[in-house]
Amino acid sequence: MPTTGIETAIRELERDVERINQAIRLLKSVNAQKFAAAPTKAGRKKSGRRKLSAAGRRRIADAAKKRWANFRATGKK
């Protein structure tokens, strides 16, 4: 019995569906491996602003004042 164009199209689409399902399975397995190898919260690099203690800010301010005083005393521009 000869196949019609519609039957041929159906078979091709069924093959395409199987290839797509295989690709989805592959991508899911890759994605699962990626998340399994992701660093834990303790191993991640922190982002955002770093906190500076009051003593640290005071040391920075004192050093800046000293540099400016030295600059003004020498009269450099």
PDB file of N, CA and C in Angstrom:
ATOM      1  N   MET A   1       0.843  -1.179   0.000  1.00  0.00           N
ATOM      2  CA  MET A   1       0.000   0.000   0.000  1.00  0.00           C
ATOM      3  C   MET A   1       0.890   1.245   0.000  1.00  0.00           C
ATOM      4  N   PRO A   2       0.730   2.116  -0.954  1.00  0.00           N
ATOM      5  CA  PRO A   2       1.567   3.313  -1.015  1.00  0.00           C
ATOM      6  C   PRO A   2       1.219   4.281   0.121  1.00  0.00           C
ATOM      7  N   THR A   3       2.263   4.928   0.616  1.00  0.00           N
ATOM      8  CA  THR A   3       2.024   5.891   1.687  1.00  0.00           C
ATOM      9  C   THR A   3       1.692   7.254   1.090  1.00  0.00           C
ATOM     10  N   THR A   4       0.828   7.940   1.793  1.00  0.00           N
ATOM     11  CA  THR A   4       0.457   9.275   1.336  1.00  0.00           C
ATOM     12  C   THR A   4       1.424  10.290   1.924  1.00  0.00           C
ATOM     13  N   GLY A   5       1.347  11.484   1.417  1.00  0.00           N
ATOM     14  CA  GLY A   5       2.201  12.563   1.927  1.00  0.00           C
ATOM     15  C   GLY A   5       1.934  12.844   3.392  1.00  0.00           C
ATOM     16  N   ILE A   6       0.689  12.677   3.793  1.00  0.00           N
ATOM     17  CA  ILE A   6       0.325  12.930   5.192  1.00  0.00           C
ATOM     18  C   ILE A   6       0.969  11.879   6.097  1.00  0.00           C
ATOM     19  N   GLU A   7       0.918  10.611   5.695  1.00  0.00           N
ATOM     20  CA  GLU A   7       1.518   9.549   6.505  1.00  0.00           C
ATOM     21  C   GLU A   7       3.027   9.737   6.629  1.00  0.00           C
ATOM     22  N   THR A   8       3.649  10.152   5.538  1.00  0.00           N
ATOM     23  CA  THR A   8       5.087  10.411   5.563  1.00  0.00           C
ATOM     24  C   THR A   8       5.400  11.565   6.511  1.00  0.00           C
ATOM     25  N   ALA A   9       4.613  12.615   6.456  1.00  0.00           N
ATOM     26  CA  ALA A   9       4.812  13.766   7.340  1.00  0.00           C
ATOM     27  C   ALA A   9       4.651  13.358   8.799  1.00  0.00           C
ATOM     28  N   ILE A  10       3.656  12.499   9.072  1.00  0.00           N
ATOM     29  CA  ILE A  10       3.431  12.029  10.449  1.00  0.00           C
ATOM     30  C   ILE A  10       4.646  11.249  10.942  1.00  0.00           C
ATOM     31  N   ARG A  11       5.192  10.366  10.128  1.00  0.00           N
ATOM     32  CA  ARG A  11       6.362   9.579  10.532  1.00  0.00           C
ATOM     33  C   ARG A  11       7.565  10.492  10.796  1.00  0.00           C
ATOM     34  N   GLU A  12       7.764  11.475   9.937  1.00  0.00           N
ATOM     35  CA  GLU A  12       8.882  12.404  10.131  1.00  0.00           C
ATOM     36  C   GLU A  12       8.708  13.201  11.425  1.00  0.00           C
ATOM     37  N   LEU A  13       7.486  13.636  11.670  1.00  0.00           N
ATOM     38  CA  LEU A  13       7.241  14.382  12.910  1.00  0.00           C
ATOM     39  C   LEU A  13       7.447  13.512  14.134  1.00  0.00           C
ATOM     40  N   GLU A  14       7.068  12.263  14.073  1.00  0.00           N
ATOM     41  CA  GLU A  14       7.289  11.344  15.195  1.00  0.00           C
ATOM     42  C   GLU A  14       8.779  11.150  15.451  1.00  0.00           C
ATOM     43  N   ARG A  15       9.583  11.056  14.378  1.00  0.00           N
ATOM     44  CA  ARG A  15      11.036  10.949  14.543  1.00  0.00           C
ATOM     45  C   ARG A  15      11.596  12.229  15.171  1.00  0.00           C
ATOM     46  N   ASP A  16      11.070  13.383  14.721  1.00  0.00           N
ATOM     47  CA  ASP A  16      11.505  14.662  15.289  1.00  0.00           C
ATOM     48  C   ASP A  16      11.173  14.748  16.771  1.00  0.00           C
ATOM     49  N   VAL A  17       9.998  14.258  17.153  1.00  0.00           N
ATOM     50  CA  VAL A  17       9.596  14.278  18.559  1.00  0.00           C
ATOM     51  C   VAL A  17      10.575  13.450  19.384  1.00  0.00           C
ATOM     52  N   GLU A  18      10.961  12.285  18.873  1.00  0.00           N
ATOM     53  CA  GLU A  18      11.902  11.437  19.607  1.00  0.00           C
ATOM     54  C   GLU A  18      13.259  12.120  19.745  1.00  0.00           C
ATOM     55  N   ARG A  19      13.739  12.775  18.680  1.00  0.00           N
ATOM     56  CA  ARG A  19      15.018  13.498  18.760  1.00  0.00           C
ATOM     57  C   ARG A  19      14.933  14.642  19.769  1.00  0.00           C
ATOM     58  N   ILE A  20      13.822  15.341  19.779  1.00  0.00           N
ATOM     59  CA  ILE A  20      13.643  16.438  20.737  1.00  0.00           C
ATOM     60  C   ILE A  20      13.626  15.898  22.163  1.00  0.00           C
ATOM     61  N   ASN A  21      12.932  14.780  22.386  1.00  0.00           N
ATOM     62  CA  ASN A  21      12.896  14.175  23.722  1.00  0.00           C
ATOM     63  C   ASN A  21      14.294  13.742  24.167  1.00  0.00           C
ATOM     64  N   GLN A  22      15.096  13.209  23.255  1.00  0.00           N
ATOM     65  CA  GLN A  22      16.469  12.842  23.600  1.00  0.00           C
ATOM     66  C   GLN A  22      17.284  14.076  23.970  1.00  0.00           C
ATOM     67  N   ALA A  23      17.113  15.159  23.204  1.00  0.00           N
ATOM     68  CA  ALA A  23      17.843  16.394  23.496  1.00  0.00           C
ATOM     69  C   ALA A  23      17.442  16.949  24.865  1.00  0.00           C
ATOM     70  N   ILE A  24      16.162  16.872  25.187  1.00  0.00           N
ATOM     71  CA  ILE A  24      15.682  17.351  26.487  1.00  0.00           C
ATOM     72  C   ILE A  24      16.300  16.516  27.607  1.00  0.00           C
ATOM     73  N   ARG A  25      16.327  15.200  27.457  1.00  0.00           N
ATOM     74  CA  ARG A  25      16.930  14.342  28.476  1.00  0.00           C
ATOM     75  C   ARG A  25      18.406  14.669  28.668  1.00  0.00           C
ATOM     76  N   LEU A  26      19.112  14.886  27.562  1.00  0.00           N
ATOM     77  CA  LEU A  26      20.524  15.225  27.642  1.00  0.00           C
ATOM     78  C   LEU A  26      20.731  16.549  28.369  1.00  0.00           C
ATOM     79  N   LEU A  27      19.960  17.557  28.016  1.00  0.00           N
ATOM     80  CA  LEU A  27      20.094  18.864  28.659  1.00  0.00           C
ATOM     81  C   LEU A  27      19.748  18.800  30.143  1.00  0.00           C
ATOM     82  N   LYS A  28      18.756  18.012  30.491  1.00  0.00           N
ATOM     83  CA  LYS A  28      18.405  17.866  31.906  1.00  0.00           C
ATOM     84  C   LYS A  28      19.539  17.208  32.682  1.00  0.00           C
ATOM     85  N   SER A  29      20.186  16.215  32.083  1.00  0.00           N
ATOM     86  CA  SER A  29      21.292  15.551  32.792  1.00  0.00           C
ATOM     87  C   SER A  29      22.484  16.497  32.942  1.00  0.00           C
ATOM     88  N   VAL A  30      22.763  17.297  31.915  1.00  0.00           N
ATOM     89  CA  VAL A  30      23.853  18.274  32.005  1.00  0.00           C
ATOM     90  C   VAL A  30      23.530  19.306  33.073  1.00  0.00           C
ATOM     91  N   ASN A  31      22.285  19.762  33.108  1.00  0.00           N
ATOM     92  CA  ASN A  31      21.870  20.754  34.095  1.00  0.00           C
ATOM     93  C   ASN A  31      21.973  20.189  35.508  1.00  0.00           C
ATOM     94  N   ALA A  32      21.604  18.942  35.685  1.00  0.00           N
ATOM     95  CA  ALA A  32      21.684  18.314  37.012  1.00  0.00           C
ATOM     96  C   ALA A  32      23.139  18.200  37.455  1.00  0.00           C
ATOM     97  N   GLN A  33      24.036  17.875  36.540  1.00  0.00           N
ATOM     98  CA  GLN A  33      25.456  17.775  36.879  1.00  0.00           C
ATOM     99  C   GLN A  33      26.020  19.139  37.236  1.00  0.00           C
ATOM    100  N   LYS A  34      25.573  20.157  36.532  1.00  0.00           N
ATOM    101  CA  LYS A  34      26.059  21.512  36.789  1.00  0.00           C
ATOM    102  C   LYS A  34      25.710  21.935  38.204  1.00  0.00           C
ATOM    103  N   PHE A  35      24.472  21.678  38.626  1.00  0.00           N
ATOM    104  CA  PHE A  35      24.058  22.092  39.954  1.00  0.00           C
ATOM    105  C   PHE A  35      24.660  21.201  41.025  1.00  0.00           C
ATOM    106  N   ALA A  36      24.979  19.973  40.696  1.00  0.00           N
ATOM    107  CA  ALA A  36      25.606  19.098  41.673  1.00  0.00           C
ATOM    108  C   ALA A  36      27.028  19.561  41.964  1.00  0.00           C
ATOM    109  N   ALA A  37      27.684  20.168  40.971  1.00  0.00           N
ATOM    110  CA  ALA A  37      29.063  20.611  41.138  1.00  0.00           C
ATOM    111  C   ALA A  37      29.150  22.065  41.591  1.00  0.00           C
ATOM    112  N   ALA A  38      28.010  22.732  41.773  1.00  0.00           N
ATOM    113  CA  ALA A  38      28.025  24.134  42.181  1.00  0.00           C
ATOM    114  C   ALA A  38      28.591  24.251  43.591  1.00  0.00           C
ATOM    115  N   PRO A  39      29.332  25.315  43.862  1.00  0.00           N
ATOM    116  CA  PRO A  39      29.906  25.473  45.193  1.00  0.00           C
ATOM    117  C   PRO A  39      28.821  25.680  46.244  1.00  0.00           C
ATOM    118  N   THR A  40      29.134  25.254  47.440  1.00  0.00           N
ATOM    119  CA  THR A  40      28.176  25.448  48.522  1.00  0.00           C
ATOM    120  C   THR A  40      28.201  26.904  48.953  1.00  0.00           C
ATOM    121  N   LYS A  41      27.279  27.270  49.798  1.00  0.00           N
ATOM    122  CA  LYS A  41      27.203  28.655  50.238  1.00  0.00           C
ATOM    123  C   LYS A  41      28.498  29.080  50.927  1.00  0.00           C
ATOM    124  N   ALA A  42      29.110  28.176  51.663  1.00  0.00           N
ATOM    125  CA  ALA A  42      30.351  28.497  52.364  1.00  0.00           C
ATOM    126  C   ALA A  42      31.495  28.724  51.391  1.00  0.00           C
ATOM    127  N   GLY A  43      31.456  28.083  50.213  1.00  0.00           N
ATOM    128  CA  GLY A  43      32.542  28.200  49.263  1.00  0.00           C
ATOM    129  C   GLY A  43      32.376  29.317  48.251  1.00  0.00           C
ATOM    130  N   ARG A  44      31.228  29.971  48.259  1.00  0.00           N
ATOM    131  CA  ARG A  44      30.987  31.027  47.276  1.00  0.00           C
ATOM    132  C   ARG A  44      31.679  32.318  47.660  1.00  0.00           C
ATOM    133  N   LYS A  45      32.030  33.084  46.652  1.00  0.00           N
ATOM    134  CA  LYS A  45      32.630  34.384  46.872  1.00  0.00           C
ATOM    135  C   LYS A  45      31.533  35.353  47.289  1.00  0.00           C
ATOM    136  N   LYS A  46      31.807  36.126  48.299  1.00  0.00           N
ATOM    137  CA  LYS A  46      30.829  37.096  48.766  1.00  0.00           C
ATOM    138  C   LYS A  46      30.789  38.265  47.795  1.00  0.00           C
ATOM    139  N   SER A  47      29.637  38.853  47.673  1.00  0.00           N
ATOM    140  CA  SER A  47      29.519  40.021  46.818  1.00  0.00           C
ATOM    141  C   SER A  47      28.914  41.154  47.637  1.00  0.00           C
ATOM    142  N   GLY A  48      29.017  42.333  47.127  1.00  0.00           N
ATOM    143  CA  GLY A  48      28.462  43.474  47.824  1.00  0.00           C
ATOM    144  C   GLY A  48      29.551  44.258  48.542  1.00  0.00           C
ATOM    145  N   ARG A  49      29.127  45.181  49.351  1.00  0.00           N
ATOM    146  CA  ARG A  49      30.074  46.040  50.053  1.00  0.00           C
ATOM    147  C   ARG A  49      30.692  45.322  51.238  1.00  0.00           C
ATOM    148  N   ARG A  50      31.975  45.608  51.452  1.00  0.00           N
ATOM    149  CA  ARG A  50      32.647  45.053  52.616  1.00  0.00           C
ATOM    150  C   ARG A  50      32.447  46.001  53.781  1.00  0.00           C
ATOM    151  N   LYS A  51      32.410  45.463  54.965  1.00  0.00           N
ATOM    152  CA  LYS A  51      32.217  46.276  56.158  1.00  0.00           C
ATOM    153  C   LYS A  51      33.573  46.653  56.720  1.00  0.00           C
ATOM    154  N   LEU A  52      33.651  47.877  57.196  1.00  0.00           N
ATOM    155  CA  LEU A  52      34.884  48.389  57.761  1.00  0.00           C
ATOM    156  C   LEU A  52      34.600  48.799  59.191  1.00  0.00           C
ATOM    157  N   SER A  53      35.455  48.392  60.087  1.00  0.00           N
ATOM    158  CA  SER A  53      35.238  48.719  61.498  1.00  0.00           C
ATOM    159  C   SER A  53      35.492  50.209  61.727  1.00  0.00           C
ATOM    160  N   ALA A  54      35.020  50.683  62.860  1.00  0.00           N
ATOM    161  CA  ALA A  54      35.225  52.095  63.219  1.00  0.00           C
ATOM    162  C   ALA A  54      36.715  52.382  63.355  1.00  0.00           C
ATOM    163  N   ALA A  55      37.469  51.446  63.916  1.00  0.00           N
ATOM    164  CA  ALA A  55      38.914  51.639  64.067  1.00  0.00           C
ATOM    165  C   ALA A  55      39.590  51.715  62.699  1.00  0.00           C
ATOM    166  N   GLY A  56      39.142  50.883  61.765  1.00  0.00           N
ATOM    167  CA  GLY A  56      39.713  50.913  60.421  1.00  0.00           C
ATOM    168  C   GLY A  56      39.423  52.227  59.710  1.00  0.00           C
ATOM    169  N   ARG A  57      38.192  52.712  59.853  1.00  0.00           N
ATOM    170  CA  ARG A  57      37.847  54.016  59.260  1.00  0.00           C
ATOM    171  C   ARG A  57      38.684  55.131  59.875  1.00  0.00           C
ATOM    172  N   ARG A  58      38.907  55.058  61.177  1.00  0.00           N
ATOM    173  CA  ARG A  58      39.687  56.076  61.876  1.00  0.00           C
ATOM    174  C   ARG A  58      41.131  56.064  61.381  1.00  0.00           C
ATOM    175  N   ARG A  59      41.726  54.865  61.191  1.00  0.00           N
ATOM    176  CA  ARG A  59      43.100  54.781  60.684  1.00  0.00           C
ATOM    177  C   ARG A  59      43.204  55.387  59.287  1.00  0.00           C
ATOM    178  N   ILE A  60      42.210  55.099  58.442  1.00  0.00           N
ATOM    179  CA  ILE A  60      42.221  55.643  57.074  1.00  0.00           C
ATOM    180  C   ILE A  60      42.095  57.153  57.114  1.00  0.00           C
ATOM    181  N   ALA A  61      41.183  57.669  57.943  1.00  0.00           N
ATOM    182  CA  ALA A  61      40.987  59.121  58.053  1.00  0.00           C
ATOM    183  C   ALA A  61      42.252  59.795  58.585  1.00  0.00           C
ATOM    184  N   ASP A  62      42.878  59.208  59.600  1.00  0.00           N
ATOM    185  CA  ASP A  62      44.111  59.791  60.154  1.00  0.00           C
ATOM    186  C   ASP A  62      45.225  59.811  59.120  1.00  0.00           C
ATOM    187  N   ALA A  63      45.351  58.747  58.347  1.00  0.00           N
ATOM    188  CA  ALA A  63      46.391  58.690  57.314  1.00  0.00           C
ATOM    189  C   ALA A  63      46.129  59.736  56.234  1.00  0.00           C
ATOM    190  N   ALA A  64      44.857  59.925  55.865  1.00  0.00           N
ATOM    191  CA  ALA A  64      44.522  60.929  54.849  1.00  0.00           C
ATOM    192  C   ALA A  64      44.831  62.330  55.367  1.00  0.00           C
ATOM    193  N   LYS A  65      44.498  62.580  56.626  1.00  0.00           N
ATOM    194  CA  LYS A  65      44.789  63.902  57.212  1.00  0.00           C
ATOM    195  C   LYS A  65      46.291  64.153  57.237  1.00  0.00           C
ATOM    196  N   LYS A  66      47.061  63.112  57.552  1.00  0.00           N
ATOM    197  CA  LYS A  66      48.515  63.246  57.586  1.00  0.00           C
ATOM    198  C   LYS A  66      49.059  63.554  56.192  1.00  0.00           C
ATOM    199  N   ARG A  67      48.535  62.847  55.174  1.00  0.00           N
ATOM    200  CA  ARG A  67      48.990  63.114  53.802  1.00  0.00           C
ATOM    201  C   ARG A  67      48.664  64.540  53.377  1.00  0.00           C
ATOM    202  N   TRP A  68      47.436  65.013  53.677  1.00  0.00           N
ATOM    203  CA  TRP A  68      47.050  66.371  53.302  1.00  0.00           C
ATOM    204  C   TRP A  68      47.876  67.416  54.058  1.00  0.00           C
ATOM    205  N   ALA A  69      48.157  67.165  55.327  1.00  0.00           N
ATOM    206  CA  ALA A  69      48.977  68.102  56.098  1.00  0.00           C
ATOM    207  C   ALA A  69      50.373  68.183  55.498  1.00  0.00           C
ATOM    208  N   ASN A  70      50.924  67.042  55.118  1.00  0.00           N
ATOM    209  CA  ASN A  70      52.243  67.010  54.490  1.00  0.00           C
ATOM    210  C   ASN A  70      52.212  67.738  53.153  1.00  0.00           C
ATOM    211  N   PHE A  71      51.143  67.554  52.385  1.00  0.00           N
ATOM    212  CA  PHE A  71      51.011  68.202  51.090  1.00  0.00           C
ATOM    213  C   PHE A  71      50.955  69.721  51.248  1.00  0.00           C
ATOM    214  N   ARG A  72      50.157  70.181  52.208  1.00  0.00           N
ATOM    215  CA  ARG A  72      50.034  71.630  52.441  1.00  0.00           C
ATOM    216  C   ARG A  72      51.324  72.228  52.974  1.00  0.00           C
ATOM    217  N   ALA A  73      52.042  71.472  53.802  1.00  0.00           N
ATOM    218  CA  ALA A  73      53.288  71.971  54.389  1.00  0.00           C
ATOM    219  C   ALA A  73      54.367  72.136  53.338  1.00  0.00           C
ATOM    220  N   THR A  74      54.392  71.270  52.350  1.00  0.00           N
ATOM    221  CA  THR A  74      55.432  71.357  51.330  1.00  0.00           C
ATOM    222  C   THR A  74      55.061  72.335  50.231  1.00  0.00           C
ATOM    223  N   GLY A  75      53.788  72.703  50.149  1.00  0.00           N
ATOM    224  CA  GLY A  75      53.338  73.697  49.171  1.00  0.00           C
ATOM    225  C   GLY A  75      53.291  73.183  47.760  1.00  0.00           C
ATOM    226  N   LYS A  76      53.186  71.868  47.557  1.00  0.00           N
ATOM    227  CA  LYS A  76      53.107  71.300  46.200  1.00  0.00           C
ATOM    228  C   LYS A  76      51.700  71.431  45.667  1.00  0.00           C
ATOM    229  N   LYS A  77      51.630  71.662  44.375  1.00  0.00           N
ATOM    230  CA  LYS A  77      50.312  71.735  43.712  1.00  0.00           C
ATOM    231  C   LYS A  77      50.214  70.730  42.626  1.00  0.00           C
TER     232      LYS A  77
END
